[in-house]
PDB file of N, CA and C in Angstrom:
ATOM      1  N   ILE A   1    -168.964 -94.492-193.607  1.00  0.00           N
ATOM      2  CA  ILE A   1    -168.276 -94.162-192.375  1.00  0.00           C
ATOM      3  C   ILE A   1    -166.865 -93.660-192.687  1.00  0.00           C
ATOM      4  N   CYS A   2    -166.187 -94.286-193.615  1.00  0.00           N
ATOM      5  CA  CYS A   2    -164.804 -93.887-193.929  1.00  0.00           C
ATOM      6  C   CYS A   2    -164.727 -92.447-194.412  1.00  0.00           C
ATOM      7  N   HIS A   3    -165.736 -92.006-195.135  1.00  0.00           N
ATOM      8  CA  HIS A   3    -165.721 -90.665-195.722  1.00  0.00           C
ATOM      9  C   HIS A   3    -166.241 -89.608-194.765  1.00  0.00           C
ATOM     10  N   GLY A   4    -166.422 -89.968-193.505  1.00  0.00           N
ATOM     11  CA  GLY A   4    -166.804 -89.005-192.484  1.00  0.00           C
ATOM     12  C   GLY A   4    -168.301 -88.786-192.384  1.00  0.00           C
ATOM     13  N   PRO A   5    -168.691 -88.034-191.358  1.00  0.00           N
ATOM     14  CA  PRO A   5    -170.109 -87.741-191.161  1.00  0.00           C
ATOM     15  C   PRO A   5    -170.690 -87.049-192.392  1.00  0.00           C
ATOM     16  N   ASN A   6    -171.820 -87.532-192.816  1.00  0.00           N
ATOM     17  CA  ASN A   6    -172.519 -86.961-193.976  1.00  0.00           C
ATOM     18  C   ASN A   6    -171.667 -86.910-195.235  1.00  0.00           C
ATOM     19  N   ALA A   7    -170.714 -87.825-195.338  1.00  0.00           N
ATOM     20  CA  ALA A   7    -169.846 -87.943-196.517  1.00  0.00           C
ATOM     21  C   ALA A   7    -169.069 -86.662-196.796  1.00  0.00           C
ATOM     22  N   ALA A   8    -168.751 -85.920-195.739  1.00  0.00           N
ATOM     23  CA  ALA A   8    -168.057 -84.639-195.871  1.00  0.00           C
ATOM     24  C   ALA A   8    -166.554 -84.780-196.061  1.00  0.00           C
ATOM     25  N   GLY A   9    -166.036 -86.005-196.000  1.00  0.00           N
ATOM     26  CA  GLY A   9    -164.610 -86.240-196.142  1.00  0.00           C
ATOM     27  C   GLY A   9    -163.958 -86.380-194.773  1.00  0.00           C
ATOM     28  N   ALA A  10    -162.949 -87.199-194.699  1.00  0.00           N
ATOM     29  CA  ALA A  10    -162.229 -87.424-193.447  1.00  0.00           C
ATOM     30  C   ALA A  10    -160.824 -87.907-193.757  1.00  0.00           C
ATOM     31  N   ALA A  11    -159.844 -87.180-193.290  1.00  0.00           N
ATOM     32  CA  ALA A  11    -158.439 -87.530-193.495  1.00  0.00           C
ATOM     33  C   ALA A  11    -158.176 -87.806-194.978  1.00  0.00           C
ATOM     34  N   ALA A  12    -157.732 -89.018-195.311  1.00  0.00           N
ATOM     35  CA  ALA A  12    -157.389 -89.353-196.693  1.00  0.00           C
ATOM     36  C   ALA A  12    -158.609 -89.681-197.543  1.00  0.00           C
ATOM     37  N   PHE A  13    -159.783 -89.721-196.934  1.00  0.00           N
ATOM     38  CA  PHE A  13    -160.998 -90.085-197.659  1.00  0.00           C
ATOM     39  C   PHE A  13    -161.682 -88.821-198.171  1.00  0.00           C
ATOM     40  N   PRO A  14    -161.893 -88.725-199.478  1.00  0.00           N
ATOM     41  CA  PRO A  14    -162.410 -87.486-200.055  1.00  0.00           C
ATOM     42  C   PRO A  14    -163.888 -87.226-199.751  1.00  0.00           C
ATOM     43  N   ARG A  15    -164.258 -85.971-199.916  1.00  0.00           N
ATOM     44  CA  ARG A  15    -165.645 -85.549-199.771  1.00  0.00           C
ATOM     45  C   ARG A  15    -166.464 -86.159-200.902  1.00  0.00           C
ATOM     46  N   LEU A  16    -167.597 -86.752-200.567  1.00  0.00           N
ATOM     47  CA  LEU A  16    -168.529 -87.273-201.560  1.00  0.00           C
ATOM     48  C   LEU A  16    -169.782 -86.408-201.618  1.00  0.00           C
ATOM     49  N   ALA A  17    -170.119 -85.819-200.489  1.00  0.00           N
ATOM     50  CA  ALA A  17    -171.326 -84.992-200.402  1.00  0.00           C
ATOM     51  C   ALA A  17    -171.268 -83.877-201.434  1.00  0.00           C
ATOM     52  N   GLY A  18    -172.364 -83.712-202.145  1.00  0.00           N
ATOM     53  CA  GLY A  18    -172.464 -82.636-203.110  1.00  0.00           C
ATOM     54  C   GLY A  18    -171.816 -82.900-204.451  1.00  0.00           C
ATOM     55  N   GLN A  19    -171.141 -84.023-204.608  1.00  0.00           N
ATOM     56  CA  GLN A  19    -170.568 -84.359-205.917  1.00  0.00           C
ATOM     57  C   GLN A  19    -171.698 -84.695-206.888  1.00  0.00           C
ATOM     58  N   HIS A  20    -171.440 -84.566-208.147  1.00  0.00           N
ATOM     59  CA  HIS A  20    -172.428 -84.944-209.160  1.00  0.00           C
ATOM     60  C   HIS A  20    -172.619 -86.455-209.143  1.00  0.00           C
ATOM     61  N   VAL A  21    -173.868 -86.878-209.218  1.00  0.00           N
ATOM     62  CA  VAL A  21    -174.189 -88.308-209.190  1.00  0.00           C
ATOM     63  C   VAL A  21    -173.453 -89.047-210.294  1.00  0.00           C
ATOM     64  N   GLU A  22    -173.416 -88.468-211.497  1.00  0.00           N
ATOM     65  CA  GLU A  22    -172.770 -89.126-212.627  1.00  0.00           C
ATOM     66  C   GLU A  22    -171.281 -89.350-212.357  1.00  0.00           C
ATOM     67  N   TYR A  23    -170.650 -88.376-211.725  1.00  0.00           N
ATOM     68  CA  TYR A  23    -169.231 -88.503-211.373  1.00  0.00           C
ATOM     69  C   TYR A  23    -169.029 -89.652-210.389  1.00  0.00           C
ATOM     70  N   LEU A  24    -169.864 -89.697-209.347  1.00  0.00           N
ATOM     71  CA  LEU A  24    -169.731 -90.750-208.344  1.00  0.00           C
ATOM     72  C   LEU A  24    -169.992 -92.129-208.945  1.00  0.00           C
ATOM     73  N   ILE A  25    -170.982 -92.233-209.815  1.00  0.00           N
ATOM     74  CA  ILE A  25    -171.259 -93.513-210.480  1.00  0.00           C
ATOM     75  C   ILE A  25    -170.038 -93.943-211.291  1.00  0.00           C
ATOM     76  N   ALA A  26    -169.458 -93.016-212.020  1.00  0.00           N
ATOM     77  CA  ALA A  26    -168.279 -93.342-212.839  1.00  0.00           C
ATOM     78  C   ALA A  26    -167.128 -93.837-211.968  1.00  0.00           C
ATOM     79  N   GLN A  27    -166.931 -93.211-210.809  1.00  0.00           N
ATOM     80  CA  GLN A  27    -165.852 -93.643-209.921  1.00  0.00           C
ATOM     81  C   GLN A  27    -166.130 -95.039-209.367  1.00  0.00           C
ATOM     82  N   LEU A  28    -167.357 -95.277-208.932  1.00  0.00           N
ATOM     83  CA  LEU A  28    -167.716 -96.594-208.405  1.00  0.00           C
ATOM     84  C   LEU A  28    -167.576 -97.673-209.475  1.00  0.00           C
ATOM     85  N   GLU A  29    -168.013 -97.365-210.698  1.00  0.00           N
ATOM     86  CA  GLU A  29    -167.864 -98.326-211.795  1.00  0.00           C
ATOM     87  C   GLU A  29    -166.387 -98.580-212.091  1.00  0.00           C
ATOM     88  N   GLY A  30    -165.571 -97.547-211.967  1.00  0.00           N
ATOM     89  CA  GLY A  30    -164.137 -97.707-212.166  1.00  0.00           C
ATOM     90  C   GLY A  30    -163.516 -98.630-211.134  1.00  0.00           C
ATOM     91  N   PHE A  31    -163.936 -98.504-209.877  1.00  0.00           N
ATOM     92  CA  PHE A  31    -163.452 -99.419-208.849  1.00  0.00           C
ATOM     93  C   PHE A  31    -163.890-100.846-209.156  1.00  0.00           C
ATOM     94  N   LYS A  32    -165.158-100.974-209.547  1.00  0.00           N
ATOM     95  CA  LYS A  32    -165.701-102.313-209.808  1.00  0.00           C
ATOM     96  C   LYS A  32    -164.999-102.989-210.981  1.00  0.00           C
ATOM     97  N   SER A  33    -164.735-102.246-212.041  1.00  0.00           N
ATOM     98  CA  SER A  33    -164.113-102.817-213.238  1.00  0.00           C
ATOM     99  C   SER A  33    -162.597-102.986-213.101  1.00  0.00           C
ATOM    100  N   GLY A  34    -162.016-102.302-212.125  1.00  0.00           N
ATOM    101  CA  GLY A  34    -160.574-102.372-211.945  1.00  0.00           C
ATOM    102  C   GLY A  34    -159.807-101.291-212.676  1.00  0.00           C
ATOM    103  N   THR A  35    -160.500-100.405-213.399  1.00  0.00           N
ATOM    104  CA  THR A  35    -159.801 -99.323-214.088  1.00  0.00           C
ATOM    105  C   THR A  35    -159.365 -98.241-213.120  1.00  0.00           C
ATOM    106  N   ARG A  36    -159.988 -98.199-211.968  1.00  0.00           N
ATOM    107  CA  ARG A  36    -159.546 -97.298-210.907  1.00  0.00           C
ATOM    108  C   ARG A  36    -159.163 -98.186-209.727  1.00  0.00           C
ATOM    109  N   ALA A  37    -157.898 -98.484-209.623  1.00  0.00           N
ATOM    110  CA  ALA A  37    -157.460 -99.505-208.669  1.00  0.00           C
ATOM    111  C   ALA A  37    -156.627 -98.956-207.525  1.00  0.00           C
ATOM    112  N   ASN A  38    -156.685 -97.651-207.281  1.00  0.00           N
ATOM    113  CA  ASN A  38    -155.824 -97.095-206.242  1.00  0.00           C
ATOM    114  C   ASN A  38    -156.422 -97.159-204.845  1.00  0.00           C
ATOM    115  N   ALA A  39    -157.562 -97.781-204.681  1.00  0.00           N
ATOM    116  CA  ALA A  39    -158.190 -97.880-203.358  1.00  0.00           C
ATOM    117  C   ALA A  39    -158.768 -99.280-203.159  1.00  0.00           C
ATOM    118  N   PRO A  40    -157.935-100.207-202.694  1.00  0.00           N
ATOM    119  CA  PRO A  40    -158.404-101.597-202.530  1.00  0.00           C
ATOM    120  C   PRO A  40    -159.660-101.733-201.674  1.00  0.00           C
ATOM    121  N   ILE A  41    -159.808-100.878-200.676  1.00  0.00           N
ATOM    122  CA  ILE A  41    -160.992-100.977-199.827  1.00  0.00           C
ATOM    123  C   ILE A  41    -162.264-100.735-200.650  1.00  0.00           C
ATOM    124  N   MET A  42    -162.209 -99.804-201.590  1.00  0.00           N
ATOM    125  CA  MET A  42    -163.394 -99.521-202.406  1.00  0.00           C
ATOM    126  C   MET A  42    -163.678-100.661-203.384  1.00  0.00           C
ATOM    127  N   ILE A  43    -162.636-101.264-203.895  1.00  0.00           N
ATOM    128  CA  ILE A  43    -162.830-102.402-204.798  1.00  0.00           C
ATOM    129  C   ILE A  43    -163.593-103.494-204.073  1.00  0.00           C
ATOM    130  N   ASN A  44    -163.215-103.760-202.833  1.00  0.00           N
ATOM    131  CA  ASN A  44    -163.923-104.768-202.041  1.00  0.00           C
ATOM    132  C   ASN A  44    -165.359-104.352-201.741  1.00  0.00           C
ATOM    133  N   GLU A  45    -165.590-103.067-201.534  1.00  0.00           N
ATOM    134  CA  GLU A  45    -166.934-102.592-201.205  1.00  0.00           C
ATOM    135  C   GLU A  45    -167.900-102.733-202.381  1.00  0.00           C
ATOM    136  N   VAL A  46    -167.433-102.487-203.584  1.00  0.00           N
ATOM    137  CA  VAL A  46    -168.341-102.458-204.739  1.00  0.00           C
ATOM    138  C   VAL A  46    -168.338-103.742-205.556  1.00  0.00           C
ATOM    139  N   ARG A  47    -167.459-104.657-205.243  1.00  0.00           N
ATOM    140  CA  ARG A  47    -167.279-105.873-206.047  1.00  0.00           C
ATOM    141  C   ARG A  47    -168.590-106.576-206.384  1.00  0.00           C
ATOM    142  N   ASN A  48    -169.476-106.722-205.428  1.00  0.00           N
ATOM    143  CA  ASN A  48    -170.716-107.478-205.647  1.00  0.00           C
ATOM    144  C   ASN A  48    -171.953-106.605-205.802  1.00  0.00           C
ATOM    145  N   MET A  49    -171.759-105.316-205.961  1.00  0.00           N
ATOM    146  CA  MET A  49    -172.909-104.418-206.113  1.00  0.00           C
ATOM    147  C   MET A  49    -173.426-104.443-207.546  1.00  0.00           C
ATOM    148  N   THR A  50    -174.746-104.365-207.679  1.00  0.00           N
ATOM    149  CA  THR A  50    -175.368-104.272-208.996  1.00  0.00           C
ATOM    150  C   THR A  50    -175.282-102.830-209.482  1.00  0.00           C
ATOM    151  N   ALA A  51    -175.576-102.618-210.746  1.00  0.00           N
ATOM    152  CA  ALA A  51    -175.593-101.259-211.302  1.00  0.00           C
ATOM    153  C   ALA A  51    -176.602-100.392-210.553  1.00  0.00           C
ATOM    154  N   GLU A  52    -177.727-100.961-210.193  1.00  0.00           N
ATOM    155  CA  GLU A  52    -178.751-100.215-209.465  1.00  0.00           C
ATOM    156  C   GLU A  52    -178.254 -99.820-208.081  1.00  0.00           C
ATOM    157  N   GLN A  53    -177.518-100.713-207.437  1.00  0.00           N
ATOM    158  CA  GLN A  53    -176.971-100.412-206.110  1.00  0.00           C
ATOM    159  C   GLN A  53    -175.895 -99.331-206.197  1.00  0.00           C
ATOM    160  N   LEU A  54    -175.079 -99.366-207.239  1.00  0.00           N
ATOM    161  CA  LEU A  54    -174.071 -98.329-207.425  1.00  0.00           C
ATOM    162  C   LEU A  54    -174.741 -96.970-207.604  1.00  0.00           C
ATOM    163  N   LYS A  55    -175.795 -96.927-208.414  1.00  0.00           N
ATOM    164  CA  LYS A  55    -176.522 -95.675-208.637  1.00  0.00           C
ATOM    165  C   LYS A  55    -177.148 -95.169-207.351  1.00  0.00           C
ATOM    166  N   ALA A  56    -177.715 -96.075-206.569  1.00  0.00           N
ATOM    167  CA  ALA A  56    -178.347 -95.679-205.304  1.00  0.00           C
ATOM    168  C   ALA A  56    -177.305 -95.142-204.323  1.00  0.00           C
ATOM    169  N   ALA A  57    -176.160 -95.789-204.247  1.00  0.00           N
ATOM    170  CA  ALA A  57    -175.104 -95.337-203.339  1.00  0.00           C
ATOM    171  C   ALA A  57    -174.597 -93.960-203.764  1.00  0.00           C
ATOM    172  N   ALA A  58    -174.429 -93.760-205.063  1.00  0.00           N
ATOM    173  CA  ALA A  58    -173.970 -92.479-205.566  1.00  0.00           C
ATOM    174  C   ALA A  58    -174.997 -91.381-205.291  1.00  0.00           C
ATOM    175  N   ALA A  59    -176.254 -91.679-205.513  1.00  0.00           N
ATOM    176  CA  ALA A  59    -177.318 -90.702-205.264  1.00  0.00           C
ATOM    177  C   ALA A  59    -177.372 -90.334-203.787  1.00  0.00           C
ATOM    178  N   TYR A  60    -177.238 -91.319-202.929  1.00  0.00           N
ATOM    179  CA  TYR A  60    -177.259 -91.077-201.496  1.00  0.00           C
ATOM    180  C   TYR A  60    -176.088 -90.166-201.083  1.00  0.00           C
ATOM    181  N   ALA A  61    -174.887 -90.517-201.517  1.00  0.00           N
ATOM    182  CA  ALA A  61    -173.712 -89.728-201.149  1.00  0.00           C
ATOM    183  C   ALA A  61    -173.822 -88.307-201.668  1.00  0.00           C
ATOM    184  N   ALA A  62    -174.281 -88.158-202.895  1.00  0.00           N
ATOM    185  CA  ALA A  62    -174.397 -86.830-203.493  1.00  0.00           C
ATOM    186  C   ALA A  62    -175.415 -85.959-202.764  1.00  0.00           C
ATOM    187  N   SER A  63    -176.414 -86.585-202.170  1.00  0.00           N
ATOM    188  CA  SER A  63    -177.485 -85.830-201.521  1.00  0.00           C
ATOM    189  C   SER A  63    -177.154 -85.382-200.110  1.00  0.00           C
ATOM    190  N   ARG A  64    -176.040 -85.820-199.569  1.00  0.00           N
ATOM    191  CA  ARG A  64    -175.703 -85.510-198.171  1.00  0.00           C
ATOM    192  C   ARG A  64    -175.343 -84.074-198.002  1.00  0.00           C
TER     193      ARG A  64
END
């Protein structure tokens, strides 16, 4: 929802739709590990996600 309809981006939230799955997975893993800490909301979103869930979320966003 934060990233807008169909993950097209909204205000300060970047476009996810059409991004490479590998790129999105790397970003999500960065939030989870704390190496990418500039978005506290994302850290909270991915904190308890499994690797499989991160991959599924990335695949979904990329396919929009």
